C-alpha atoms as a PDB file:
ATOM      1  CA  UNK A   1     -11.687   5.138  -9.003  1.00  0.00           C
ATOM      2  CA  UNK A   2     -13.030   3.068  -6.148  1.00  0.00           C
ATOM      3  CA  UNK A   3     -11.778   1.745  -2.859  1.00  0.00           C
ATOM      4  CA  UNK A   4     -10.359  -1.394  -4.486  1.00  0.00           C
ATOM      5  CA  UNK A   5      -8.226   0.540  -6.947  1.00  0.00           C
ATOM      6  CA  UNK A   6      -7.100   3.084  -4.381  1.00  0.00           C
ATOM      7  CA  UNK A   7      -6.201   0.429  -1.814  1.00  0.00           C
ATOM      8  CA  UNK A   8      -4.390  -1.648  -4.454  1.00  0.00           C
ATOM      9  CA  UNK A   9      -2.253   1.356  -5.446  1.00  0.00           C
ATOM     10  CA  UNK A  10      -1.496   2.237  -1.842  1.00  0.00           C
ATOM     11  CA  UNK A  11      -0.473  -1.333  -0.973  1.00  0.00           C
ATOM     12  CA  UNK A  12       1.716  -1.525  -4.058  1.00  0.00           C
ATOM     13  CA  UNK A  13       3.533   1.668  -3.123  1.00  0.00           C
ATOM     14  CA  UNK A  14       3.931   0.655   0.531  1.00  0.00           C
ATOM     15  CA  UNK A  15       5.423  -2.682  -0.505  1.00  0.00           C
ATOM     16  CA  UNK A  16       7.851  -0.956  -2.835  1.00  0.00           C
ATOM     17  CA  UNK A  17       8.767   1.528  -0.077  1.00  0.00           C
ATOM     18  CA  UNK A  18       9.535  -1.281   2.357  1.00  0.00           C
ATOM     19  CA  UNK A  19      11.218  -3.824   0.143  1.00  0.00           C
ATOM     20  CA  UNK A  20      13.172  -1.601  -2.204  1.00  0.00           C
ATOM     21  CA  UNK A  21      14.766   0.935   0.152  1.00  0.00           C
ATOM     22  CA  UNK A  22      17.175   2.224  -2.490  1.00  0.00           C
ATOM     23  CA  UNK A  23      14.140   3.928  -3.985  1.00  0.00           C
ATOM     24  CA  UNK A  24      14.125   6.165  -0.913  1.00  0.00           C
ATOM     25  CA  UNK A  25      16.848   8.162  -2.660  1.00  0.00           C
ATOM     26  CA  UNK A  26      13.990  10.001  -4.293  1.00  0.00           C
ATOM     27  CA  UNK A  27      12.265   9.983  -0.914  1.00  0.00           C
ATOM     28  CA  UNK A  28       9.993  12.983  -1.342  1.00  0.00           C
ATOM     29  CA  UNK A  29       8.599  11.732  -4.619  1.00  0.00           C
ATOM     30  CA  UNK A  30       7.742   8.369  -3.014  1.00  0.00           C
ATOM     31  CA  UNK A  31       6.346  10.052   0.075  1.00  0.00           C
ATOM     32  CA  UNK A  32       4.191  12.246  -2.146  1.00  0.00           C
ATOM     33  CA  UNK A  33       2.918   9.221  -4.064  1.00  0.00           C
ATOM     34  CA  UNK A  34       1.980   7.345  -0.883  1.00  0.00           C
ATOM     35  CA  UNK A  35       0.462  10.414   0.737  1.00  0.00           C
ATOM     36  CA  UNK A  36      -1.589  11.156  -2.381  1.00  0.00           C
ATOM     37  CA  UNK A  37      -2.881   7.569  -2.485  1.00  0.00           C
ATOM     38  CA  UNK A  38      -3.888   7.843   1.182  1.00  0.00           C
ATOM     39  CA  UNK A  39      -5.569  11.197   0.559  1.00  0.00           C
ATOM     40  CA  UNK A  40      -7.546   9.855  -2.394  1.00  0.00           C
ATOM     41  CA  UNK A  41      -8.697   6.853  -0.408  1.00  0.00           C
ATOM     42  CA  UNK A  42      -9.661   9.056   2.559  1.00  0.00           C
ATOM     43  CA  UNK A  43     -11.693  11.351   0.293  1.00  0.00           C
ATOM     44  CA  UNK A  44     -13.434   8.379  -1.251  1.00  0.00           C
ATOM     45  CA  UNK A  45     -14.272   6.994   2.195  1.00  0.00           C
ATOM     46  CA  UNK A  46     -15.519  10.401   3.346  1.00  0.00           C
ATOM     47  CA  UNK A  47     -17.990  10.357   0.465  1.00  0.00           C
ATOM     48  CA  UNK A  48     -18.982   6.727   1.130  1.00  0.00           C
ATOM     49  CA  UNK A  49     -18.411   5.987   4.835  1.00  0.00           C
ATOM     50  CA  UNK A  50     -20.494   2.820   4.617  1.00  0.00           C
ATOM     51  CA  UNK A  51     -17.561   1.235   2.732  1.00  0.00           C
ATOM     52  CA  UNK A  52     -15.202   1.557   5.694  1.00  0.00           C
ATOM     53  CA  UNK A  53     -16.301  -1.749   7.342  1.00  0.00           C
ATOM     54  CA  UNK A  54     -15.527  -3.530   4.054  1.00  0.00           C
ATOM     55  CA  UNK A  55     -11.887  -2.391   4.014  1.00  0.00           C
ATOM     56  CA  UNK A  56     -10.421  -5.505   5.698  1.00  0.00           C
ATOM     57  CA  UNK A  57     -12.013  -7.676   3.010  1.00  0.00           C
ATOM     58  CA  UNK A  58     -10.898  -5.327   0.226  1.00  0.00           C
ATOM     59  CA  UNK A  59      -7.372  -5.313   1.653  1.00  0.00           C
ATOM     60  CA  UNK A  60      -7.313  -9.139   1.652  1.00  0.00           C
ATOM     61  CA  UNK A  61      -8.602  -9.190  -1.942  1.00  0.00           C
ATOM     62  CA  UNK A  62      -6.257  -6.539  -3.309  1.00  0.00           C
ATOM     63  CA  UNK A  63      -3.056  -7.469  -1.485  1.00  0.00           C
ATOM     64  CA  UNK A  64      -2.170 -10.467  -3.725  1.00  0.00           C
ATOM     65  CA  UNK A  65      -2.449  -8.263  -6.841  1.00  0.00           C
ATOM     66  CA  UNK A  66      -0.405  -5.503  -5.211  1.00  0.00           C
ATOM     67  CA  UNK A  67       2.186  -8.075  -4.144  1.00  0.00           C
ATOM     68  CA  UNK A  68       2.559  -9.432  -7.678  1.00  0.00           C
ATOM     69  CA  UNK A  69       2.803  -5.927  -9.138  1.00  0.00           C
ATOM     70  CA  UNK A  70       5.351  -4.828  -6.528  1.00  0.00           C
ATOM     71  CA  UNK A  71       7.440  -7.874  -7.440  1.00  0.00           C
ATOM     72  CA  UNK A  72       7.342  -6.880 -11.124  1.00  0.00           C
ATOM     73  CA  UNK A  73       7.991  -3.199 -10.364  1.00  0.00           C
ATOM     74  CA  UNK A  74      10.991  -3.898  -8.135  1.00  0.00           C
ATOM     75  CA  UNK A  75      12.333  -6.937 -10.018  1.00  0.00           C
ATOM     76  CA  UNK A  76      12.455  -8.752  -6.684  1.00  0.00           C
ATOM     77  CA  UNK A  77      11.272 -12.365  -6.398  1.00  0.00           C
ATOM     78  CA  UNK A  78       7.648 -12.736  -5.374  1.00  0.00           C
ATOM     79  CA  UNK A  79       8.723 -14.659  -2.269  1.00  0.00           C
ATOM     80  CA  UNK A  80      10.413 -11.464  -1.033  1.00  0.00           C
ATOM     81  CA  UNK A  81       6.970 -10.132  -0.178  1.00  0.00           C
ATOM     82  CA  UNK A  82       4.830 -11.670   2.582  1.00  0.00           C
ATOM     83  CA  UNK A  83       2.055 -13.941   1.313  1.00  0.00           C
ATOM     84  CA  UNK A  84      -0.479 -12.098   3.483  1.00  0.00           C
ATOM     85  CA  UNK A  85      -0.595  -8.370   4.052  1.00  0.00           C
ATOM     86  CA  UNK A  86       1.746  -7.524   6.937  1.00  0.00           C
ATOM     87  CA  UNK A  87      -0.214  -4.407   7.880  1.00  0.00           C
ATOM     88  CA  UNK A  88      -3.650  -3.683   9.244  1.00  0.00           C
ATOM     89  CA  UNK A  89      -6.121  -1.388   7.520  1.00  0.00           C
ATOM     90  CA  UNK A  90      -5.501   1.143  10.289  1.00  0.00           C
ATOM     91  CA  UNK A  91      -1.766   1.147   9.562  1.00  0.00           C
ATOM     92  CA  UNK A  92      -2.235   1.375   5.807  1.00  0.00           C
ATOM     93  CA  UNK A  93      -4.514   4.404   6.173  1.00  0.00           C
ATOM     94  CA  UNK A  94      -2.448   6.089   8.907  1.00  0.00           C
ATOM     95  CA  UNK A  95      -0.593   9.080   7.447  1.00  0.00           C
ATOM     96  CA  UNK A  96       2.138   8.628  10.072  1.00  0.00           C
ATOM     97  CA  UNK A  97       2.745   4.947   9.266  1.00  0.00           C
ATOM     98  CA  UNK A  98       5.792   4.205   7.146  1.00  0.00           C
ATOM     99  CA  UNK A  99       6.872   0.569   6.875  1.00  0.00           C
ATOM    100  CA  UNK A 100      10.369  -0.036   8.118  1.00  0.00           C
ATOM    101  CA  UNK A 101      12.996  -1.160   5.683  1.00  0.00           C
ATOM    102  CA  UNK A 102      13.611  -4.866   5.549  1.00  0.00           C
ATOM    103  CA  UNK A 103      16.369  -5.881   7.938  1.00  0.00           C
ATOM    104  CA  UNK A 104      16.480  -9.642   7.322  1.00  0.00           C
END
């Protein structure tokens, strides 16, 4: 897998985490999934550090796909999810970053 695939998966899981909080019932499973996606992406970037500057572009490219897939996975309307990624690359990669549940 490459950075695009890894980032797509991570964004998809973060969107599901934030916009479908009832899935937190199985919290550890979701945490494990997100942490594993972050670990895989970090390992990939360790092997190819020259790709790191490209991450903002990859994030912008992969977010729309992740958004559509999160909508299908959660059965929530596409408009539930922001049109543009609400997080920075730094946040997405940060192992301590967990998107807050939607409060609106």
